[in-house]
Protein backbone atom coordinates (compact mmCIF):
# COMPACT_ATOMS: atom_id res chain seq x y z
CA UNK A 1 -34.27 -128.27 5.88
CA UNK A 2 -34.51 -126.84 9.40
CA UNK A 3 -31.21 -126.50 11.24
CA UNK A 4 -30.28 -125.29 14.71
CA UNK A 5 -29.71 -121.80 13.30
CA UNK A 6 -33.38 -121.56 12.24
CA UNK A 7 -34.54 -122.16 15.82
CA UNK A 8 -32.67 -119.33 17.50
CA UNK A 9 -34.68 -116.65 19.30
CA UNK A 10 -37.91 -116.23 21.23
CA UNK A 11 -40.86 -118.36 20.13
CA UNK A 12 -44.45 -118.06 21.35
CA UNK A 13 -46.96 -120.82 20.69
CA UNK A 14 -50.23 -120.08 18.89
CA UNK A 15 -51.79 -123.49 19.46
CA UNK A 16 -51.35 -127.22 19.90
CA UNK A 17 -53.60 -129.84 18.32
CA UNK A 18 -53.72 -133.56 19.09
CA UNK A 19 -56.39 -136.25 18.71
CA UNK A 20 -59.29 -135.14 20.92
CA UNK A 21 -57.41 -132.13 22.25
CA UNK A 22 -56.77 -128.55 21.19
CA UNK A 23 -55.38 -125.61 23.18
CA UNK A 24 -54.85 -122.02 22.08
CA UNK A 25 -54.98 -120.28 25.48
CA UNK A 26 -51.98 -121.62 27.41
CA UNK A 27 -49.19 -119.06 27.48
CA UNK A 28 -46.17 -120.87 26.05
CA UNK A 29 -42.72 -119.35 25.56
CA UNK A 30 -39.57 -121.08 24.26
CA UNK A 31 -36.30 -119.17 24.21
CA UNK A 32 -33.36 -120.63 22.29
CA UNK A 33 -29.73 -119.40 22.37
CA UNK A 34 -27.16 -121.63 20.69
CA UNK A 35 -27.81 -125.16 21.91
CA UNK A 36 -29.36 -123.98 25.19
CA UNK A 37 -33.10 -123.44 25.68
CA UNK A 38 -35.71 -122.81 28.33
CA UNK A 39 -39.46 -123.42 27.99
CA UNK A 40 -42.36 -122.19 30.14
CA UNK A 41 -46.08 -123.07 29.81
CA UNK A 42 -48.64 -121.34 32.03
CA UNK A 43 -52.41 -121.98 31.78
CA UNK A 44 -54.66 -118.99 31.27
CA UNK A 45 -56.93 -119.84 34.22
CA UNK A 46 -55.33 -120.01 37.66
CA UNK A 47 -56.61 -119.55 41.22
CA UNK A 48 -57.30 -116.11 42.64
CA UNK A 49 -54.43 -115.07 44.93
CA UNK A 50 -55.50 -111.51 45.77
CA UNK A 51 -55.12 -110.98 49.51
CA UNK A 52 -52.93 -114.06 49.98
CA UNK A 53 -49.19 -114.04 50.64
CA UNK A 54 -47.94 -117.46 49.50
CA UNK A 55 -48.86 -120.80 47.95
CA UNK A 56 -49.14 -122.49 51.35
CA UNK A 57 -52.35 -120.49 51.97
CA UNK A 58 -54.10 -122.16 49.00
CA UNK A 59 -56.25 -125.28 49.51
CA UNK A 60 -55.78 -128.41 47.35
CA UNK A 61 -58.51 -127.53 44.80
CA UNK A 62 -56.79 -124.16 44.26
CA UNK A 63 -53.30 -125.64 44.08
CA UNK A 64 -54.27 -128.31 41.56
CA UNK A 65 -54.63 -125.95 38.53
CA UNK A 66 -51.09 -124.69 39.14
CA UNK A 67 -49.82 -128.20 38.42
CA UNK A 68 -51.02 -127.86 34.82
CA UNK A 69 -48.09 -125.51 34.26
CA UNK A 70 -44.94 -126.88 32.67
CA UNK A 71 -41.31 -125.82 32.64
CA UNK A 72 -38.17 -127.47 31.35
CA UNK A 73 -34.71 -126.48 30.15
CA UNK A 74 -31.55 -127.97 28.73
CA UNK A 75 -30.02 -128.29 25.26
CA UNK A 76 -31.16 -129.32 21.80
CA UNK A 77 -29.80 -131.44 19.00
CA UNK A 78 -31.11 -131.12 15.44
CA UNK A 79 -30.73 -133.84 12.82
CA UNK A 80 -32.54 -134.21 9.48
CA UNK A 81 -34.99 -131.49 10.47
CA UNK A 82 -35.90 -133.19 13.75
CA UNK A 83 -35.25 -131.29 16.98
CA UNK A 84 -34.71 -133.16 20.26
CA UNK A 85 -35.15 -131.19 23.48
CA UNK A 86 -32.87 -132.78 26.07
CA UNK A 87 -34.29 -131.83 29.46
CA UNK A 88 -31.57 -131.10 32.02
CA UNK A 89 -34.34 -130.10 34.40
CA UNK A 90 -38.10 -130.63 34.16
CA UNK A 91 -40.75 -129.26 36.52
CA UNK A 92 -42.74 -132.49 36.43
CA UNK A 93 -39.76 -134.79 36.88
CA UNK A 94 -38.25 -137.42 34.63
CA UNK A 95 -39.94 -137.28 31.19
CA UNK A 96 -41.79 -140.39 30.09
CA UNK A 97 -40.18 -140.39 26.65
CA UNK A 98 -37.86 -138.35 24.46
CA UNK A 99 -39.17 -134.97 23.27
CA UNK A 100 -38.66 -134.88 19.48
CA UNK A 101 -40.36 -132.64 16.94
CA UNK A 102 -40.18 -132.58 13.14
CA UNK A 103 -39.73 -128.90 12.34
CA UNK A 104 -40.84 -126.97 9.25
CA UNK A 105 -42.06 -123.51 8.26
CA UNK A 106 -45.53 -122.76 6.90
CA UNK A 107 -46.18 -120.32 4.05
CA UNK A 108 -46.53 -117.36 6.44
CA UNK A 109 -43.26 -118.05 8.28
CA UNK A 110 -44.78 -119.79 11.30
CA UNK A 111 -42.77 -122.66 12.75
CA UNK A 112 -44.59 -125.99 12.68
CA UNK A 113 -43.66 -128.72 15.16
CA UNK A 114 -45.02 -132.22 14.49
CA UNK A 115 -44.51 -134.82 17.19
CA UNK A 116 -42.24 -137.71 16.21
CA UNK A 117 -42.98 -139.97 19.19
CA UNK A 118 -46.39 -138.47 20.00
CA UNK A 119 -49.30 -137.39 17.80
CA UNK A 120 -49.51 -133.60 17.99
CA UNK A 121 -48.86 -130.43 16.01
CA UNK A 122 -47.85 -127.02 17.40
CA UNK A 123 -47.64 -123.66 15.66
CA UNK A 124 -44.98 -121.23 16.90
CA UNK A 125 -44.46 -117.58 16.01
CA UNK A 126 -41.19 -115.68 16.34
CA UNK A 127 -41.21 -112.81 18.83
CA UNK A 128 -38.95 -109.99 17.55
CA UNK A 129 -35.91 -109.84 19.82
CA UNK A 130 -32.28 -108.83 19.69
CA UNK A 131 -29.89 -111.80 19.85
CA UNK A 132 -30.29 -113.99 22.92
CA UNK A 133 -27.47 -115.44 24.99
CA UNK A 134 -27.62 -118.59 27.07
CA UNK A 135 -25.80 -119.87 30.13
CA UNK A 136 -26.06 -122.78 32.50
CA UNK A 137 -26.68 -121.65 36.07
CA UNK A 138 -26.38 -123.17 39.51
CA UNK A 139 -27.07 -122.28 43.12
CA UNK A 140 -26.26 -124.92 45.70
CA UNK A 141 -28.00 -128.16 44.73
CA UNK A 142 -30.10 -126.44 42.07
CA UNK A 143 -29.06 -126.00 38.45
CA UNK A 144 -30.61 -124.94 35.19
CA UNK A 145 -30.50 -122.57 32.23
CA UNK A 146 -30.85 -118.81 31.76
CA UNK A 147 -31.70 -117.42 28.32
CA UNK A 148 -31.64 -113.62 28.10
CA UNK A 149 -30.73 -110.41 26.35
CA UNK A 150 -30.89 -106.89 27.76
CA UNK A 151 -34.70 -106.86 27.48
CA UNK A 152 -36.10 -110.30 28.30
CA UNK A 153 -35.11 -113.40 30.26
CA UNK A 154 -36.36 -116.92 30.86
CA UNK A 155 -34.89 -118.71 33.87
CA UNK A 156 -35.37 -122.40 34.59
CA UNK A 157 -33.71 -123.69 37.74
CA UNK A 158 -34.36 -126.69 39.96
CA UNK A 159 -33.04 -130.01 41.27
CA UNK A 160 -32.02 -132.83 38.95
CA UNK A 161 -35.25 -134.74 38.18
CA UNK A 162 -35.87 -137.69 40.52
CA UNK A 163 -39.19 -139.43 39.95
CA UNK A 164 -42.23 -137.51 38.75
CA UNK A 165 -44.95 -135.22 40.10
CA UNK A 166 -47.64 -137.92 39.63
CA UNK A 167 -48.02 -138.75 43.34
CA UNK A 168 -48.21 -135.07 44.27
CA UNK A 169 -50.91 -134.45 41.65
CA UNK A 170 -52.84 -137.52 42.83
CA UNK A 171 -52.73 -136.23 46.42
CA UNK A 172 -54.12 -132.86 45.35
CA UNK A 173 -56.84 -134.62 43.33
CA UNK A 174 -57.75 -136.45 46.53
CA UNK A 175 -58.01 -133.21 48.48
CA UNK A 176 -54.70 -133.57 50.33
CA UNK A 177 -51.86 -131.06 50.38
CA UNK A 178 -48.54 -132.81 51.05
CA UNK A 179 -46.70 -129.70 52.21
CA UNK A 180 -43.16 -131.20 52.33
CA UNK A 181 -43.60 -132.51 48.77
CA UNK A 182 -45.05 -129.19 47.62
CA UNK A 183 -42.17 -127.33 49.25
CA UNK A 184 -39.73 -129.52 47.31
CA UNK A 185 -41.67 -129.17 44.06
CA UNK A 186 -41.80 -125.38 44.23
CA UNK A 187 -38.09 -125.15 45.01
CA UNK A 188 -37.88 -125.13 41.20
CA UNK A 189 -38.54 -121.89 39.37
CA UNK A 190 -39.49 -121.26 35.75
CA UNK A 191 -39.86 -117.54 35.16
CA UNK A 192 -40.28 -115.31 32.10
CA UNK A 193 -39.60 -111.64 32.71
CA UNK A 194 -38.24 -108.35 31.48
CA UNK A 195 -35.25 -106.32 32.59
CA UNK A 196 -35.79 -102.90 34.13
CA UNK A 197 -32.20 -101.71 34.40
CA UNK A 198 -30.47 -104.13 36.79
CA UNK A 199 -33.77 -105.66 37.96
CA UNK A 200 -35.42 -108.65 36.32
CA UNK A 201 -39.18 -108.42 36.90
CA UNK A 202 -41.21 -111.64 36.56
CA UNK A 203 -44.14 -111.60 34.14
CA UNK A 204 -45.06 -115.31 34.11
CA UNK A 205 -43.98 -117.93 36.63
CA UNK A 206 -44.83 -121.41 37.84
CA UNK A 207 -45.29 -119.63 41.19
CA UNK A 208 -47.84 -116.84 40.52
CA UNK A 209 -46.74 -114.98 43.66
CA UNK A 210 -43.46 -114.20 41.84
CA UNK A 211 -45.20 -112.29 39.07
CA UNK A 212 -44.60 -108.57 39.24
CA UNK A 213 -41.75 -109.12 41.67
CA UNK A 214 -37.96 -108.90 41.28
CA UNK A 215 -36.71 -112.37 40.37
CA UNK A 216 -33.22 -111.57 39.08
CA UNK A 217 -30.84 -108.76 39.91
CA UNK A 218 -27.55 -107.73 38.41
CA UNK A 219 -25.66 -106.64 41.51
CA UNK A 220 -21.96 -107.29 41.01
CA UNK A 221 -22.84 -110.78 39.88
CA UNK A 222 -26.27 -112.22 39.17
CA UNK A 223 -28.63 -112.74 42.11
CA UNK A 224 -31.76 -114.93 42.06
CA UNK A 225 -34.56 -113.92 44.43
CA UNK A 226 -36.12 -117.30 45.17
CA UNK A 227 -39.65 -117.63 46.54
CA UNK A 228 -40.55 -120.82 48.38
CA UNK A 229 -43.93 -122.53 48.74
CA UNK A 230 -44.28 -121.10 52.25
CA UNK A 231 -43.45 -117.59 51.08
CA UNK A 232 -39.87 -117.52 52.32
CA UNK A 233 -37.71 -115.30 50.13
CA UNK A 234 -33.97 -115.65 49.73
CA UNK A 235 -31.41 -113.77 47.64
CA UNK A 236 -29.04 -116.38 46.18
CA UNK A 237 -25.99 -115.73 43.99
CA UNK A 238 -26.16 -117.57 40.67
CA UNK A 239 -23.06 -119.16 39.18
CA UNK A 240 -23.04 -118.91 35.37
CA UNK A 241 -21.06 -121.05 32.93
């Protein structure tokens, strides 16, 4: 039977299947270290940003596909082969229901996740990595989880969920860009990257303007280079526990 120990490491999703739905193109990464985890899901197709400097320069039809992304982080509990992902933070706000998967391995070693409270199946593959370490992080009113080793990291940081992103998505669907709400939404960051010495370079992010840029830096302590909706950058020390 699957235990917490079986779920340690870096997992990349091959596909998800549900009634009337199948997806094998979204780039999904789940990093697990002890009880702590972070999860990032970025669609393959996103708006063209070449020549632009920040999200605020995108119109509503271009911003809307970015809202398909997902990010969440927190801790897990595993009982009788069922894993529950407790979301300390969640990019789309308060989850509608608990996130519980029945976990098993297929004959080739892939990790199968079957929804307990929702009808879906996901196939995950282990990404070879040295042991990961996890820490809770905070910076001012923002908090989250950092999973890393000396090669890779996944950072999820944001405000405690309050409501959902439904109204913001509806506004974008209606052709309206609520800039204060977007500024608040993109104050969260979910970023997968790799270390280049003391510099953590983003590879995938809920804010595509972060990709290829320094997101984390080991400089005495750990520094997070935040990037706001309007393009404002700020170097913020991260407190780790």
